[in-house]
């Protein structure tokens, strides 16, 4: 297993308990790209060069619906692009490793891509990135229901030791993209502004994958800037899950027509 951790001398720091954050992204070839740890900013060492975007107090803070109309919803509070890119291939599966996630924080997992014009995401403008949804999974069924609706995607994440698989669409044209990976916690979403969004971003450089004879790659288009993704009173944002429910409206735009739907382990 290779590790694309390109900075020396950072001491291991004790982590403060949080809701959760991405600790690393692993490609199908086994290359590991570390995630952003807020404690890096408290170290006397130079900040590491990462593919992951930096953000303020990642994991402890969440984006409230009151901030859905701000740039913070794109990649978390005060986020800045990573200097590097994860090297991936169209059709490849990436593993997103979270450090933890509370069992009480039920909700959907969503994945988006935004194209970086100019071929480099290290200078991407989060205000202008146009997000296209490539994956989503929300409420699964009412099994295990006690008070929070039953079984959710967040339960699958926990069952898989806090791992989530993202498939880069095999029809995606080569280029540089930002992957936006997000969990929305709904345990107090019956209250206005109660939903909690935890978006995190990482830069990708996608090369062409194998396609069927005659199949054309597709340009990623039809996206929305971050502040247009969700509204405060969307059915999947303002929702009471403290009961036995029979369905859930996943918030945000429709899936891109080039997306590859996959099944998570233990789903």
C-alpha atoms as a PDB file:
ATOM      1  CA  UNK A   1       0.000   0.000   0.000  1.00  0.00           C
ATOM      2  CA  UNK A   2       1.408   3.359  -1.001  1.00  0.00           C
ATOM      3  CA  UNK A   3       0.814   6.557   0.919  1.00  0.00           C
ATOM      4  CA  UNK A   4       0.607   9.895  -0.879  1.00  0.00           C
ATOM      5  CA  UNK A   5       1.427  11.811   2.300  1.00  0.00           C
ATOM      6  CA  UNK A   6       3.827  14.448   0.994  1.00  0.00           C
ATOM      7  CA  UNK A   7       5.000  16.323   4.081  1.00  0.00           C
ATOM      8  CA  UNK A   8       7.659  15.468   6.670  1.00  0.00           C
ATOM      9  CA  UNK A   9       7.923  16.089  10.367  1.00  0.00           C
ATOM     10  CA  UNK A  10       4.278  16.376  11.420  1.00  0.00           C
ATOM     11  CA  UNK A  11       3.959  14.828  14.871  1.00  0.00           C
ATOM     12  CA  UNK A  12       1.036  12.606  15.669  1.00  0.00           C
ATOM     13  CA  UNK A  13      -1.518  14.701  17.498  1.00  0.00           C
ATOM     14  CA  UNK A  14      -4.215  13.636  19.879  1.00  0.00           C
ATOM     15  CA  UNK A  15      -7.571  13.964  18.156  1.00  0.00           C
ATOM     16  CA  UNK A  16     -10.492  15.650  19.811  1.00  0.00           C
ATOM     17  CA  UNK A  17     -13.738  13.690  19.643  1.00  0.00           C
ATOM     18  CA  UNK A  18     -15.916  14.956  16.832  1.00  0.00           C
ATOM     19  CA  UNK A  19     -18.860  13.994  14.691  1.00  0.00           C
ATOM     20  CA  UNK A  20     -16.550  12.702  12.015  1.00  0.00           C
ATOM     21  CA  UNK A  21     -14.221  13.604   9.161  1.00  0.00           C
ATOM     22  CA  UNK A  22     -12.467  11.952   6.240  1.00  0.00           C
ATOM     23  CA  UNK A  23      -9.092  10.647   7.381  1.00  0.00           C
ATOM     24  CA  UNK A  24      -8.009   9.299   3.993  1.00  0.00           C
ATOM     25  CA  UNK A  25      -9.036   8.393   0.465  1.00  0.00           C
ATOM     26  CA  UNK A  26      -7.780   5.101  -1.009  1.00  0.00           C
ATOM     27  CA  UNK A  27      -7.724   4.274  -4.716  1.00  0.00           C
ATOM     28  CA  UNK A  28      -8.381   0.814  -6.115  1.00  0.00           C
ATOM     29  CA  UNK A  29      -4.621   0.376  -6.591  1.00  0.00           C
ATOM     30  CA  UNK A  30      -4.044   0.937  -2.881  1.00  0.00           C
ATOM     31  CA  UNK A  31      -2.635   4.460  -2.950  1.00  0.00           C
ATOM     32  CA  UNK A  32      -3.682   6.334   0.188  1.00  0.00           C
ATOM     33  CA  UNK A  33      -4.266  10.083   0.135  1.00  0.00           C
ATOM     34  CA  UNK A  34      -4.580  11.593   3.648  1.00  0.00           C
ATOM     35  CA  UNK A  35      -7.515  13.818   4.541  1.00  0.00           C
ATOM     36  CA  UNK A  36      -7.383  17.202   6.201  1.00  0.00           C
ATOM     37  CA  UNK A  37      -6.965  17.219   9.973  1.00  0.00           C
ATOM     38  CA  UNK A  38      -7.779  20.584  11.640  1.00  0.00           C
ATOM     39  CA  UNK A  39      -4.988  19.993  14.128  1.00  0.00           C
ATOM     40  CA  UNK A  40      -2.459  20.502  11.336  1.00  0.00           C
ATOM     41  CA  UNK A  41      -3.231  24.211  11.554  1.00  0.00           C
ATOM     42  CA  UNK A  42      -2.232  24.178  15.240  1.00  0.00           C
ATOM     43  CA  UNK A  43       1.150  22.622  14.554  1.00  0.00           C
ATOM     44  CA  UNK A  44       4.345  24.635  14.257  1.00  0.00           C
ATOM     45  CA  UNK A  45       5.223  22.602  11.164  1.00  0.00           C
ATOM     46  CA  UNK A  46       4.389  23.800   7.624  1.00  0.00           C
ATOM     47  CA  UNK A  47       0.949  22.739   6.467  1.00  0.00           C
ATOM     48  CA  UNK A  48       0.996  19.491   4.483  1.00  0.00           C
ATOM     49  CA  UNK A  49       0.410  19.267   0.758  1.00  0.00           C
ATOM     50  CA  UNK A  50      -2.851  17.366   0.343  1.00  0.00           C
ATOM     51  CA  UNK A  51      -5.457  16.569  -2.279  1.00  0.00           C
ATOM     52  CA  UNK A  52      -8.107  17.139   0.391  1.00  0.00           C
ATOM     53  CA  UNK A  53      -9.467  20.623   0.995  1.00  0.00           C
ATOM     54  CA  UNK A  54      -8.717  22.284   4.311  1.00  0.00           C
ATOM     55  CA  UNK A  55     -11.523  23.602   6.512  1.00  0.00           C
ATOM     56  CA  UNK A  56     -12.018  25.145   9.945  1.00  0.00           C
ATOM     57  CA  UNK A  57     -12.644  22.768  12.857  1.00  0.00           C
ATOM     58  CA  UNK A  58     -13.776  20.006  10.531  1.00  0.00           C
ATOM     59  CA  UNK A  59     -15.934  17.423  12.296  1.00  0.00           C
ATOM     60  CA  UNK A  60     -17.015  19.496  15.283  1.00  0.00           C
ATOM     61  CA  UNK A  61     -18.814  22.075  13.185  1.00  0.00           C
ATOM     62  CA  UNK A  62     -21.611  21.408  10.734  1.00  0.00           C
ATOM     63  CA  UNK A  63     -23.293  23.539   8.108  1.00  0.00           C
ATOM     64  CA  UNK A  64     -26.751  24.574   9.257  1.00  0.00           C
ATOM     65  CA  UNK A  65     -29.546  25.243   6.756  1.00  0.00           C
ATOM     66  CA  UNK A  66     -29.181  28.878   7.792  1.00  0.00           C
ATOM     67  CA  UNK A  67     -25.863  28.806   5.879  1.00  0.00           C
ATOM     68  CA  UNK A  68     -27.075  26.915   2.811  1.00  0.00           C
ATOM     69  CA  UNK A  69     -27.000  30.192   0.877  1.00  0.00           C
ATOM     70  CA  UNK A  70     -23.308  30.740   1.641  1.00  0.00           C
ATOM     71  CA  UNK A  71     -20.108  29.342   0.131  1.00  0.00           C
ATOM     72  CA  UNK A  72     -19.563  27.256   3.284  1.00  0.00           C
ATOM     73  CA  UNK A  73     -22.024  24.628   2.080  1.00  0.00           C
ATOM     74  CA  UNK A  74     -19.671  23.713  -0.766  1.00  0.00           C
ATOM     75  CA  UNK A  75     -16.750  22.189   1.164  1.00  0.00           C
ATOM     76  CA  UNK A  76     -17.288  23.206   4.830  1.00  0.00           C
ATOM     77  CA  UNK A  77     -16.357  26.302   6.820  1.00  0.00           C
ATOM     78  CA  UNK A  78     -13.595  28.501   5.406  1.00  0.00           C
ATOM     79  CA  UNK A  79     -12.560  25.726   3.042  1.00  0.00           C
ATOM     80  CA  UNK A  80      -9.581  26.068   0.721  1.00  0.00           C
ATOM     81  CA  UNK A  81      -8.548  23.832  -2.188  1.00  0.00           C
ATOM     82  CA  UNK A  82      -5.923  21.161  -1.697  1.00  0.00           C
ATOM     83  CA  UNK A  83      -2.615  21.611  -3.526  1.00  0.00           C
ATOM     84  CA  UNK A  84      -2.570  18.065  -4.951  1.00  0.00           C
ATOM     85  CA  UNK A  85      -4.938  15.730  -6.797  1.00  0.00           C
ATOM     86  CA  UNK A  86      -5.976  12.107  -6.293  1.00  0.00           C
ATOM     87  CA  UNK A  87      -5.037  10.255  -9.471  1.00  0.00           C
ATOM     88  CA  UNK A  88      -8.042   8.203 -10.526  1.00  0.00           C
ATOM     89  CA  UNK A  89      -9.495   6.517 -13.598  1.00  0.00           C
ATOM     90  CA  UNK A  90     -13.033   6.803 -14.931  1.00  0.00           C
ATOM     91  CA  UNK A  91     -14.921   3.780 -13.607  1.00  0.00           C
ATOM     92  CA  UNK A  92     -12.655   3.401 -10.581  1.00  0.00           C
ATOM     93  CA  UNK A  93     -13.923   3.021  -7.012  1.00  0.00           C
ATOM     94  CA  UNK A  94     -12.497   5.208  -4.268  1.00  0.00           C
ATOM     95  CA  UNK A  95     -12.798   4.399  -0.559  1.00  0.00           C
ATOM     96  CA  UNK A  96     -13.575   7.310   1.753  1.00  0.00           C
ATOM     97  CA  UNK A  97     -12.501   6.517   5.316  1.00  0.00           C
ATOM     98  CA  UNK A  98     -14.206   8.392   8.149  1.00  0.00           C
ATOM     99  CA  UNK A  99     -12.663   8.389  11.610  1.00  0.00           C
ATOM    100  CA  UNK A 100     -16.051   7.968  13.301  1.00  0.00           C
ATOM    101  CA  UNK A 101     -19.745   8.689  13.031  1.00  0.00           C
ATOM    102  CA  UNK A 102     -22.358   8.777  15.851  1.00  0.00           C
ATOM    103  CA  UNK A 103     -25.126   6.167  15.670  1.00  0.00           C
ATOM    104  CA  UNK A 104     -27.666   8.879  16.545  1.00  0.00           C
ATOM    105  CA  UNK A 105     -26.811  11.012  13.491  1.00  0.00           C
ATOM    106  CA  UNK A 106     -29.079   9.259  10.986  1.00  0.00           C
ATOM    107  CA  UNK A 107     -29.192  10.493   7.444  1.00  0.00           C
ATOM    108  CA  UNK A 108     -28.200  10.243   3.773  1.00  0.00           C
ATOM    109  CA  UNK A 109     -24.786  10.144   2.123  1.00  0.00           C
ATOM    110  CA  UNK A 110     -24.367  12.146  -1.091  1.00  0.00           C
ATOM    111  CA  UNK A 111     -21.562  12.502  -3.629  1.00  0.00           C
ATOM    112  CA  UNK A 112     -21.010  15.281  -6.163  1.00  0.00           C
ATOM    113  CA  UNK A 113     -18.423  16.229  -8.760  1.00  0.00           C
ATOM    114  CA  UNK A 114     -17.542  19.684 -10.069  1.00  0.00           C
ATOM    115  CA  UNK A 115     -15.318  20.247 -13.087  1.00  0.00           C
ATOM    116  CA  UNK A 116     -12.270  22.490 -12.706  1.00  0.00           C
ATOM    117  CA  UNK A 117     -11.834  24.470 -15.880  1.00  0.00           C
ATOM    118  CA  UNK A 118      -8.194  24.930 -16.739  1.00  0.00           C
ATOM    119  CA  UNK A 119      -7.186  21.463 -15.567  1.00  0.00           C
ATOM    120  CA  UNK A 120      -6.106  22.351 -12.020  1.00  0.00           C
ATOM    121  CA  UNK A 121      -8.338  22.263  -8.945  1.00  0.00           C
ATOM    122  CA  UNK A 122      -5.738  23.733  -6.596  1.00  0.00           C
ATOM    123  CA  UNK A 123      -6.948  27.204  -7.567  1.00  0.00           C
ATOM    124  CA  UNK A 124     -10.647  26.358  -7.806  1.00  0.00           C
ATOM    125  CA  UNK A 125     -13.139  29.028  -6.759  1.00  0.00           C
ATOM    126  CA  UNK A 126     -15.714  27.399  -4.450  1.00  0.00           C
ATOM    127  CA  UNK A 127     -18.205  30.146  -5.302  1.00  0.00           C
ATOM    128  CA  UNK A 128     -18.152  29.146  -8.967  1.00  0.00           C
ATOM    129  CA  UNK A 129     -17.838  25.355  -8.832  1.00  0.00           C
ATOM    130  CA  UNK A 130     -20.952  23.722 -10.296  1.00  0.00           C
ATOM    131  CA  UNK A 131     -21.859  20.525  -8.472  1.00  0.00           C
ATOM    132  CA  UNK A 132     -23.349  17.518 -10.226  1.00  0.00           C
ATOM    133  CA  UNK A 133     -24.681  14.678  -8.098  1.00  0.00           C
ATOM    134  CA  UNK A 134     -23.176  11.255  -8.935  1.00  0.00           C
ATOM    135  CA  UNK A 135     -24.329   9.234  -5.932  1.00  0.00           C
ATOM    136  CA  UNK A 136     -26.938   9.229  -3.204  1.00  0.00           C
ATOM    137  CA  UNK A 137     -28.436   6.885  -0.642  1.00  0.00           C
ATOM    138  CA  UNK A 138     -30.859   7.794   2.124  1.00  0.00           C
ATOM    139  CA  UNK A 139     -33.435   5.889   4.158  1.00  0.00           C
ATOM    140  CA  UNK A 140     -33.345   2.131   3.539  1.00  0.00           C
ATOM    141  CA  UNK A 141     -36.165   0.547   5.539  1.00  0.00           C
ATOM    142  CA  UNK A 142     -37.957   0.576   8.902  1.00  0.00           C
ATOM    143  CA  UNK A 143     -36.041  -2.361  10.370  1.00  0.00           C
ATOM    144  CA  UNK A 144     -34.610  -1.717  13.800  1.00  0.00           C
ATOM    145  CA  UNK A 145     -36.996   1.185  14.280  1.00  0.00           C
ATOM    146  CA  UNK A 146     -37.010   2.651  17.774  1.00  0.00           C
ATOM    147  CA  UNK A 147     -37.351   6.403  17.295  1.00  0.00           C
ATOM    148  CA  UNK A 148     -35.266   7.480  14.296  1.00  0.00           C
ATOM    149  CA  UNK A 149     -37.101   6.033  11.325  1.00  0.00           C
ATOM    150  CA  UNK A 150     -35.332   2.686  10.958  1.00  0.00           C
ATOM    151  CA  UNK A 151     -32.197   1.889   8.948  1.00  0.00           C
ATOM    152  CA  UNK A 152     -30.357   4.694   7.174  1.00  0.00           C
ATOM    153  CA  UNK A 153     -27.308   5.072   4.968  1.00  0.00           C
ATOM    154  CA  UNK A 154     -25.353   6.318   7.980  1.00  0.00           C
ATOM    155  CA  UNK A 155     -25.926   2.898   9.563  1.00  0.00           C
ATOM    156  CA  UNK A 156     -24.347   1.269   6.505  1.00  0.00           C
ATOM    157  CA  UNK A 157     -21.335   3.548   6.876  1.00  0.00           C
ATOM    158  CA  UNK A 158     -20.951   2.493  10.505  1.00  0.00           C
ATOM    159  CA  UNK A 159     -21.375  -1.211   9.637  1.00  0.00           C
ATOM    160  CA  UNK A 160     -18.564  -0.842   7.098  1.00  0.00           C
ATOM    161  CA  UNK A 161     -16.156   0.483   9.726  1.00  0.00           C
ATOM    162  CA  UNK A 162     -16.829   4.071   8.642  1.00  0.00           C
ATOM    163  CA  UNK A 163     -15.931   3.444   5.001  1.00  0.00           C
ATOM    164  CA  UNK A 164     -17.846   4.637   1.951  1.00  0.00           C
ATOM    165  CA  UNK A 165     -17.293   3.684  -1.676  1.00  0.00           C
ATOM    166  CA  UNK A 166     -17.531   6.318  -4.400  1.00  0.00           C
ATOM    167  CA  UNK A 167     -17.472   5.217  -8.034  1.00  0.00           C
ATOM    168  CA  UNK A 168     -16.114   7.651 -10.579  1.00  0.00           C
ATOM    169  CA  UNK A 169     -18.566   7.359 -13.512  1.00  0.00           C
ATOM    170  CA  UNK A 170     -17.007   5.250 -16.258  1.00  0.00           C
ATOM    171  CA  UNK A 171     -18.431   7.605 -18.908  1.00  0.00           C
ATOM    172  CA  UNK A 172     -16.854  10.705 -17.334  1.00  0.00           C
ATOM    173  CA  UNK A 173     -14.535  12.551 -19.666  1.00  0.00           C
ATOM    174  CA  UNK A 174     -10.918  12.917 -18.495  1.00  0.00           C
ATOM    175  CA  UNK A 175     -10.101  16.051 -16.562  1.00  0.00           C
ATOM    176  CA  UNK A 176      -9.719  17.611 -13.123  1.00  0.00           C
ATOM    177  CA  UNK A 177     -12.628  17.562 -10.698  1.00  0.00           C
ATOM    178  CA  UNK A 178     -13.507  18.268  -7.093  1.00  0.00           C
ATOM    179  CA  UNK A 179     -15.289  15.410  -5.343  1.00  0.00           C
ATOM    180  CA  UNK A 180     -17.771  16.604  -2.728  1.00  0.00           C
ATOM    181  CA  UNK A 181     -18.646  13.867  -0.206  1.00  0.00           C
ATOM    182  CA  UNK A 182     -21.342  14.650   2.360  1.00  0.00           C
ATOM    183  CA  UNK A 183     -23.436  13.247   5.191  1.00  0.00           C
ATOM    184  CA  UNK A 184     -26.560  15.112   6.319  1.00  0.00           C
ATOM    185  CA  UNK A 185     -27.586  14.299   9.901  1.00  0.00           C
ATOM    186  CA  UNK A 186     -31.335  14.462  10.566  1.00  0.00           C
ATOM    187  CA  UNK A 187     -31.694  13.675  14.278  1.00  0.00           C
ATOM    188  CA  UNK A 188     -33.015  17.195  15.021  1.00  0.00           C
ATOM    189  CA  UNK A 189     -34.220  18.032  11.506  1.00  0.00           C
ATOM    190  CA  UNK A 190     -37.824  18.312  12.645  1.00  0.00           C
ATOM    191  CA  UNK A 191     -36.821  21.815  13.729  1.00  0.00           C
ATOM    192  CA  UNK A 192     -36.198  24.552  11.203  1.00  0.00           C
ATOM    193  CA  UNK A 193     -32.434  24.877  10.733  1.00  0.00           C
ATOM    194  CA  UNK A 194     -32.006  21.589  12.614  1.00  0.00           C
ATOM    195  CA  UNK A 195     -30.458  19.490   9.812  1.00  0.00           C
ATOM    196  CA  UNK A 196     -26.669  19.196   9.930  1.00  0.00           C
ATOM    197  CA  UNK A 197     -24.606  18.996   6.727  1.00  0.00           C
ATOM    198  CA  UNK A 198     -21.042  17.672   6.830  1.00  0.00           C
ATOM    199  CA  UNK A 199     -19.527  18.236   3.357  1.00  0.00           C
ATOM    200  CA  UNK A 200     -15.881  17.507   2.596  1.00  0.00           C
ATOM    201  CA  UNK A 201     -13.958  17.893  -0.651  1.00  0.00           C
ATOM    202  CA  UNK A 202     -10.978  16.377  -2.410  1.00  0.00           C
ATOM    203  CA  UNK A 203      -9.334  17.131  -5.763  1.00  0.00           C
ATOM    204  CA  UNK A 204      -9.283  14.441  -8.443  1.00  0.00           C
ATOM    205  CA  UNK A 205      -7.387  14.109 -11.699  1.00  0.00           C
ATOM    206  CA  UNK A 206      -9.376  11.602 -13.755  1.00  0.00           C
ATOM    207  CA  UNK A 207      -7.904   9.778 -16.718  1.00  0.00           C
ATOM    208  CA  UNK A 208      -9.911   7.909 -19.321  1.00  0.00           C
ATOM    209  CA  UNK A 209     -11.207   4.477 -18.417  1.00  0.00           C
ATOM    210  CA  UNK A 210     -12.215   1.537 -20.560  1.00  0.00           C
ATOM    211  CA  UNK A 211     -15.502   2.041 -22.369  1.00  0.00           C
ATOM    212  CA  UNK A 212     -17.665  -0.160 -24.520  1.00  0.00           C
ATOM    213  CA  UNK A 213     -17.088  -0.084 -28.261  1.00  0.00           C
ATOM    214  CA  UNK A 214     -18.607   3.085 -29.665  1.00  0.00           C
ATOM    215  CA  UNK A 215     -19.438   4.510 -26.220  1.00  0.00           C
ATOM    216  CA  UNK A 216     -18.709   8.213 -25.879  1.00  0.00           C
ATOM    217  CA  UNK A 217     -17.429   9.936 -22.784  1.00  0.00           C
ATOM    218  CA  UNK A 218     -19.725  12.584 -21.320  1.00  0.00           C
ATOM    219  CA  UNK A 219     -18.969  16.114 -20.267  1.00  0.00           C
ATOM    220  CA  UNK A 220     -20.062  16.862 -16.717  1.00  0.00           C
ATOM    221  CA  UNK A 221     -22.692  19.560 -17.067  1.00  0.00           C
ATOM    222  CA  UNK A 222     -25.963  20.775 -15.600  1.00  0.00           C
ATOM    223  CA  UNK A 223     -24.529  21.464 -12.157  1.00  0.00           C
ATOM    224  CA  UNK A 224     -25.513  23.881  -9.410  1.00  0.00           C
ATOM    225  CA  UNK A 225     -23.302  26.212  -7.410  1.00  0.00           C
ATOM    226  CA  UNK A 226     -23.199  25.288  -3.735  1.00  0.00           C
ATOM    227  CA  UNK A 227     -25.692  27.849  -2.478  1.00  0.00           C
ATOM    228  CA  UNK A 228     -28.302  26.460  -4.901  1.00  0.00           C
ATOM    229  CA  UNK A 229     -28.064  22.806  -3.812  1.00  0.00           C
ATOM    230  CA  UNK A 230     -30.520  22.858  -0.914  1.00  0.00           C
ATOM    231  CA  UNK A 231     -33.268  25.009   0.532  1.00  0.00           C
ATOM    232  CA  UNK A 232     -34.220  25.325   4.179  1.00  0.00           C
ATOM    233  CA  UNK A 233     -37.641  23.740   3.745  1.00  0.00           C
ATOM    234  CA  UNK A 234     -36.777  20.963   1.274  1.00  0.00           C
ATOM    235  CA  UNK A 235     -38.593  17.741   2.206  1.00  0.00           C
ATOM    236  CA  UNK A 236     -35.297  15.992   2.885  1.00  0.00           C
ATOM    237  CA  UNK A 237     -33.967  18.855   5.022  1.00  0.00           C
ATOM    238  CA  UNK A 238     -36.926  19.829   7.197  1.00  0.00           C
ATOM    239  CA  UNK A 239     -38.160  16.368   8.186  1.00  0.00           C
ATOM    240  CA  UNK A 240     -39.236  14.542  11.338  1.00  0.00           C
ATOM    241  CA  UNK A 241     -37.640  11.094  11.590  1.00  0.00           C
ATOM    242  CA  UNK A 242     -38.685  10.495  15.216  1.00  0.00           C
ATOM    243  CA  UNK A 243     -41.293   7.993  14.090  1.00  0.00           C
ATOM    244  CA  UNK A 244     -41.695   4.933  11.918  1.00  0.00           C
ATOM    245  CA  UNK A 245     -41.501   6.284   8.374  1.00  0.00           C
ATOM    246  CA  UNK A 246     -42.059   4.634   4.990  1.00  0.00           C
ATOM    247  CA  UNK A 247     -39.884   6.810   2.765  1.00  0.00           C
ATOM    248  CA  UNK A 248     -37.581   9.798   2.475  1.00  0.00           C
ATOM    249  CA  UNK A 249     -36.985  12.460  -0.182  1.00  0.00           C
ATOM    250  CA  UNK A 250     -33.235  12.789  -0.691  1.00  0.00           C
ATOM    251  CA  UNK A 251     -32.416  16.503  -1.020  1.00  0.00           C
ATOM    252  CA  UNK A 252     -30.523  18.130  -3.836  1.00  0.00           C
ATOM    253  CA  UNK A 253     -30.594  17.795  -7.621  1.00  0.00           C
ATOM    254  CA  UNK A 254     -31.220  14.591  -9.550  1.00  0.00           C
ATOM    255  CA  UNK A 255     -28.427  12.163 -10.296  1.00  0.00           C
ATOM    256  CA  UNK A 256     -26.314  12.911 -13.343  1.00  0.00           C
ATOM    257  CA  UNK A 257     -27.398  10.791 -16.315  1.00  0.00           C
ATOM    258  CA  UNK A 258     -23.879   9.383 -16.587  1.00  0.00           C
ATOM    259  CA  UNK A 259     -23.745   8.134 -13.003  1.00  0.00           C
ATOM    260  CA  UNK A 260     -23.049   4.510 -12.127  1.00  0.00           C
ATOM    261  CA  UNK A 261     -25.274   3.328  -9.278  1.00  0.00           C
ATOM    262  CA  UNK A 262     -23.474   0.893  -6.983  1.00  0.00           C
ATOM    263  CA  UNK A 263     -24.404  -1.101  -3.877  1.00  0.00           C
ATOM    264  CA  UNK A 264     -22.394  -0.512  -0.724  1.00  0.00           C
ATOM    265  CA  UNK A 265     -21.153  -3.470   1.305  1.00  0.00           C
ATOM    266  CA  UNK A 266     -23.688  -4.384   4.008  1.00  0.00           C
ATOM    267  CA  UNK A 267     -26.352  -2.288   2.272  1.00  0.00           C
END
